[in-house]
Amino acid sequence: MHKYKILCVISARGGSKGIKNKNIIDFCGKPLIAWSILQAQKSKIIDNVYISTDSKKIAKISRKYGAKILFLRNKKLAQKNTSKFLVWKDALNKIEKINKKKYDFFFDLDCTNPLRNLKDIDGILRFTFSKIEKFDSVITIAKSRKNPYFNMLEKNNKRFLKISKNIKNLPTSRQTSPEVYDQVASMYLIKSNFLRNKSKLYDGRVGGYLLKDYQNFDIDSHLDYKIISYLFKKYYLRHS
C-alpha cells in the first residue's frame, strides 16, 4: 500500500470555443467529463475525485456522477489563455484549505482525453511512487509522429522553410533521428510542494509515462471528436 495523500482533480471550464460545451457534450452515451470521473473512481489508489470549474452546469453534472465540487473557480482563471499550472495551484490551495488537509501529490486528469483506462491511471501513480526522489512531476507522453530533426519545419527570417532543429549533420531518415515525444494531455502527477512554490511545470524535473500511440489524441475540434469516438469504442468500451 502507498503512503501518499493524492488530490485528484479534473479541471473543466465552461467557455470552450472549438466545440460548445465541450466538457459536457454527449460522448458515447455520457457527458464527456463523466468518463474521467468514472475512470478515477475505479482506482483503489484514489480516494475522491474533485472538479475545478467556473460552470454551475458542469458542477451539477459532475456531482451526478459522484465527483466533489467544493468551490466554483474564479472567472479570471477560466479564460482560453489561462495557465493550467495556475488552475492547478488554485485548486490545490482551496481544497487543502477547505479540507484542512495537506496532500503529497496533485493528480490532474484531462477530461478531453478519455482514452486512458484504469491500468494507465494506477500505472502512472505506481511509476511515480517508485521514483519518488527522481521527479517533481510525471506527465503522459507518446512517441511523436513527427520529428524536429527530420520532418518538422519552421520558417526562417526570410520566411523560407527549414528543419526545426538547427544542428550539424542532420539525420537523413526518421529512423536515425533522436527519439522525441509528444506531451499527451491526459494525466499530470505533480508533487504538491513543487506546485505550491513554482509557476511553471517545466521549472522542475519532469518524467514521462508512455502511453500507446492511439491514446495521443484530445478533443479540440469536431474532427477530433469523431476520431476519438471511434478509438474509444474500439479500445475502451470493448474492454471495460
Protein backbone atom coordinates (compact mmCIF):
# COMPACT_ATOMS: atom_id res chain seq x y z
CA MET A 1 0.00 0.00 0.00
CA HIS A 2 1.19 3.51 -0.74
CA LYS A 3 1.52 6.10 1.99
CA TYR A 4 0.86 9.22 -0.05
CA LYS A 5 -2.15 11.56 0.05
CA ILE A 6 -3.32 12.23 -3.51
CA LEU A 7 -5.58 15.05 -4.59
CA CYS A 8 -7.27 14.04 -7.87
CA VAL A 9 -8.77 17.00 -9.76
CA ILE A 10 -10.47 17.31 -13.14
CA SER A 11 -10.32 20.87 -14.47
CA ALA A 12 -13.15 21.85 -16.81
CA ARG A 13 -14.04 25.41 -17.73
CA GLY A 14 -17.40 26.30 -19.21
CA GLY A 15 -16.40 28.62 -22.06
CA SER A 16 -14.94 26.26 -24.66
CA LYS A 17 -14.79 27.77 -28.14
CA GLY A 18 -13.90 24.99 -30.62
CA ILE A 19 -16.84 22.84 -29.51
CA LYS A 20 -19.59 24.49 -27.48
CA ASN A 21 -19.98 22.94 -24.00
CA LYS A 22 -17.18 20.54 -24.92
CA ASN A 23 -16.58 19.17 -21.44
CA ILE A 24 -20.18 18.00 -21.05
CA ILE A 25 -21.04 17.17 -24.65
CA ASP A 26 -22.58 13.73 -25.17
CA PHE A 27 -19.76 11.27 -25.79
CA CYS A 28 -20.62 7.60 -26.32
CA GLY A 29 -23.75 7.90 -24.19
CA LYS A 30 -22.44 10.02 -21.28
CA PRO A 31 -21.29 13.62 -20.76
CA LEU A 32 -17.60 13.74 -21.70
CA ILE A 33 -16.44 14.66 -18.19
CA ALA A 34 -18.32 11.67 -16.73
CA TRP A 35 -15.90 9.19 -18.30
CA SER A 36 -12.90 10.71 -16.49
CA ILE A 37 -14.79 10.77 -13.20
CA LEU A 38 -15.78 7.12 -13.55
CA GLN A 39 -12.26 6.10 -14.58
CA ALA A 40 -10.74 7.72 -11.48
CA GLN A 41 -13.37 6.23 -9.20
CA LYS A 42 -12.34 2.71 -10.24
CA SER A 43 -8.86 3.24 -8.82
CA LYS A 44 -8.21 1.93 -5.31
CA ILE A 45 -5.34 4.41 -5.00
CA ILE A 46 -7.57 7.50 -5.37
CA ASP A 47 -10.00 8.37 -2.56
CA ASN A 48 -12.10 11.16 -4.10
CA VAL A 49 -12.41 13.00 -7.38
CA TYR A 50 -12.73 16.80 -7.27
CA ILE A 51 -13.76 19.21 -10.02
CA SER A 52 -12.36 22.68 -10.68
CA THR A 53 -14.87 24.57 -12.82
CA ASP A 54 -16.43 28.00 -13.25
CA SER A 55 -19.64 26.45 -14.62
CA LYS A 56 -22.66 25.59 -12.47
CA LYS A 57 -23.86 23.26 -15.24
CA ILE A 58 -20.58 21.30 -15.28
CA ALA A 59 -20.65 21.19 -11.47
CA LYS A 60 -24.20 19.79 -11.43
CA ILE A 61 -23.40 17.05 -13.96
CA SER A 62 -20.16 16.17 -12.17
CA ARG A 63 -21.94 15.78 -8.83
CA LYS A 64 -24.41 13.41 -10.51
CA TYR A 65 -21.50 11.09 -11.34
CA GLY A 66 -20.03 11.25 -7.85
CA ALA A 67 -17.38 13.97 -8.07
CA LYS A 68 -16.93 16.60 -5.35
CA ILE A 69 -17.20 20.34 -6.01
CA LEU A 70 -16.10 22.49 -3.09
CA PHE A 71 -15.98 25.84 -4.92
CA LEU A 72 -16.60 27.49 -8.28
CA ARG A 73 -13.45 28.68 -9.98
CA ASN A 74 -12.93 32.42 -10.43
CA LYS A 75 -13.75 33.52 -13.99
CA LYS A 76 -10.28 35.08 -14.24
CA LEU A 77 -8.88 31.54 -14.08
CA ALA A 78 -11.28 30.22 -16.72
CA GLN A 79 -10.10 32.06 -19.84
CA LYS A 80 -8.82 30.40 -23.01
CA ASN A 81 -5.27 31.65 -22.32
CA THR A 82 -5.24 30.85 -18.59
CA SER A 83 -2.20 28.87 -17.47
CA LYS A 84 -3.18 25.35 -16.49
CA PHE A 85 -0.49 25.47 -13.80
CA LEU A 86 -2.27 28.40 -12.13
CA VAL A 87 -5.57 26.49 -12.24
CA TRP A 88 -3.90 23.53 -10.53
CA LYS A 89 -2.31 25.78 -7.93
CA ASP A 90 -5.65 27.44 -7.21
CA ALA A 91 -7.41 24.09 -6.81
CA LEU A 92 -4.71 22.71 -4.52
CA ASN A 93 -4.73 25.77 -2.25
CA LYS A 94 -8.53 25.97 -1.98
CA ILE A 95 -9.19 22.27 -1.45
CA GLU A 96 -6.43 21.95 1.13
CA LYS A 97 -7.84 24.96 3.00
CA ILE A 98 -11.42 23.65 2.90
CA ASN A 99 -10.47 20.06 3.79
CA LYS A 100 -7.90 21.22 6.36
CA LYS A 101 -5.55 18.65 4.91
CA LYS A 102 -2.21 18.69 3.10
CA TYR A 103 -1.71 16.48 0.05
CA ASP A 104 1.55 14.95 -1.17
CA PHE A 105 0.54 14.83 -4.83
CA PHE A 106 -1.75 16.75 -7.15
CA PHE A 107 -3.16 14.50 -9.89
CA ASP A 108 -4.82 16.16 -12.88
CA LEU A 109 -7.00 14.17 -15.29
CA ASP A 110 -7.84 15.98 -18.52
CA CYS A 111 -11.43 15.17 -19.45
CA THR A 112 -10.87 15.95 -23.15
CA ASN A 113 -8.73 12.80 -23.42
CA PRO A 114 -10.92 9.86 -22.33
CA LEU A 115 -8.71 7.23 -23.99
CA ARG A 116 -6.92 6.33 -20.75
CA ASN A 117 -8.05 3.38 -18.62
CA LEU A 118 -7.68 2.15 -15.05
CA LYS A 119 -4.39 0.45 -15.88
CA ASP A 120 -2.99 3.79 -17.07
CA ILE A 121 -4.21 5.69 -14.01
CA ASP A 122 -2.80 3.23 -11.49
CA GLY A 123 0.27 2.79 -13.69
CA ILE A 124 1.37 6.42 -13.62
CA LEU A 125 0.76 6.58 -9.87
CA ARG A 126 2.83 3.47 -9.11
CA PHE A 127 5.54 4.51 -11.57
CA THR A 128 5.90 7.87 -9.81
CA PHE A 129 5.87 6.37 -6.31
CA SER A 130 8.69 4.03 -7.35
CA LYS A 131 10.81 7.03 -8.42
CA ILE A 132 9.75 9.38 -5.65
CA GLU A 133 13.13 11.12 -5.32
CA LYS A 134 13.78 11.47 -9.05
CA PHE A 135 10.97 13.66 -10.40
CA ASP A 136 8.98 16.74 -9.38
CA SER A 137 6.23 15.69 -11.78
CA VAL A 138 5.37 12.91 -14.21
CA ILE A 139 3.26 13.55 -17.31
CA THR A 140 1.83 11.35 -20.03
CA ILE A 141 3.73 11.15 -23.31
CA ALA A 142 3.57 9.23 -26.58
CA LYS A 143 6.06 8.66 -29.36
CA SER A 144 5.82 11.61 -31.72
CA ARG A 145 4.56 11.16 -35.27
CA LYS A 146 6.81 13.97 -36.48
CA ASN A 147 10.46 14.63 -35.65
CA PRO A 148 12.04 18.11 -35.42
CA TYR A 149 15.38 16.61 -36.52
CA PHE A 150 13.89 15.28 -39.74
CA ASN A 151 10.38 16.31 -40.85
CA MET A 152 9.16 19.18 -38.62
CA LEU A 153 9.56 22.58 -40.25
CA GLU A 154 9.56 26.26 -39.36
CA LYS A 155 10.19 29.45 -41.30
CA ASN A 156 13.48 31.35 -41.07
CA ASN A 157 13.77 35.16 -41.02
CA LYS A 158 13.37 35.20 -44.83
CA ARG A 159 10.17 33.12 -44.50
CA PHE A 160 11.70 30.04 -46.12
CA LEU A 161 11.09 26.61 -44.59
CA LYS A 162 13.83 24.82 -42.70
CA ILE A 163 14.12 21.86 -40.36
CA SER A 164 13.18 22.95 -36.82
CA LYS A 165 16.34 21.61 -35.14
CA ASN A 166 19.30 23.62 -36.35
CA ILE A 167 22.21 21.22 -35.83
CA LYS A 168 25.15 19.98 -37.85
CA ASN A 169 24.91 16.58 -39.51
CA LEU A 170 21.14 16.36 -39.58
CA PRO A 171 19.81 12.78 -39.72
CA THR A 172 18.93 11.55 -43.20
CA SER A 173 15.98 9.41 -42.09
CA ARG A 174 13.34 9.30 -39.38
CA GLN A 175 14.77 6.01 -38.10
CA THR A 176 18.18 7.55 -37.39
CA SER A 177 16.78 10.71 -35.77
CA PRO A 178 16.84 11.16 -31.96
CA GLU A 179 13.66 9.87 -30.35
CA VAL A 180 11.19 12.60 -29.45
CA TYR A 181 7.83 12.56 -27.68
CA ASP A 182 4.50 14.34 -27.71
CA GLN A 183 3.14 15.67 -24.44
CA VAL A 184 -0.25 13.99 -24.14
CA ALA A 185 -2.96 16.00 -22.39
CA SER A 186 -4.20 13.06 -20.34
CA MET A 187 -2.59 12.86 -16.89
CA TYR A 188 -0.27 15.09 -14.86
CA LEU A 189 1.02 13.96 -11.46
CA ILE A 190 2.83 16.71 -9.53
CA LYS A 191 4.39 16.89 -6.09
CA SER A 192 2.30 19.34 -4.12
CA ASN A 193 5.30 21.17 -2.67
CA PHE A 194 6.56 21.82 -6.18
CA LEU A 195 3.14 23.06 -7.31
CA ARG A 196 2.87 25.40 -4.32
CA ASN A 197 6.26 27.01 -4.88
CA LYS A 198 6.76 27.15 -8.65
CA SER A 199 4.95 28.83 -11.54
CA LYS A 200 5.66 26.51 -14.49
CA LEU A 201 5.62 22.75 -14.96
CA TYR A 202 8.97 22.67 -16.73
CA ASP A 203 10.71 24.62 -13.97
CA GLY A 204 11.21 21.21 -12.38
CA ARG A 205 12.37 17.67 -13.16
CA VAL A 206 9.68 16.22 -15.41
CA GLY A 207 9.37 12.50 -16.06
CA GLY A 208 7.32 10.80 -18.76
CA TYR A 209 4.85 7.93 -18.58
CA LEU A 210 4.49 6.37 -22.03
CA LEU A 211 1.01 5.80 -23.45
CA LYS A 212 0.05 3.89 -26.57
CA ASP A 213 0.01 5.73 -29.87
CA TYR A 214 -3.78 5.67 -30.19
CA GLN A 215 -4.10 7.49 -26.85
CA ASN A 216 -2.29 10.54 -28.21
CA PHE A 217 -5.47 12.47 -29.01
CA ASP A 218 -7.63 15.01 -27.21
CA ILE A 219 -10.84 16.71 -28.26
CA ASP A 220 -10.25 20.22 -29.61
CA SER A 221 -12.36 20.08 -32.77
CA HIS A 222 -15.29 18.23 -34.31
CA LEU A 223 -12.82 16.09 -36.29
CA ASP A 224 -11.05 15.15 -33.05
CA TYR A 225 -14.44 14.21 -31.60
CA LYS A 226 -15.15 11.79 -34.46
CA ILE A 227 -11.69 10.21 -34.31
CA ILE A 228 -11.70 9.79 -30.54
CA SER A 229 -15.26 8.43 -30.53
CA TYR A 230 -14.13 5.68 -32.92
CA LEU A 231 -11.00 4.89 -30.88
CA PHE A 232 -12.93 4.95 -27.60
CA LYS A 233 -15.47 2.43 -28.88
CA LYS A 234 -12.75 0.20 -30.28
CA TYR A 235 -10.23 0.24 -27.41
CA TYR A 236 -12.13 1.30 -24.30
CA LEU A 237 -15.77 0.25 -24.38
CA ARG A 238 -14.98 -3.25 -25.63
CA HIS A 239 -12.56 -3.87 -22.75
CA SER A 240 -14.17 -2.04 -19.83
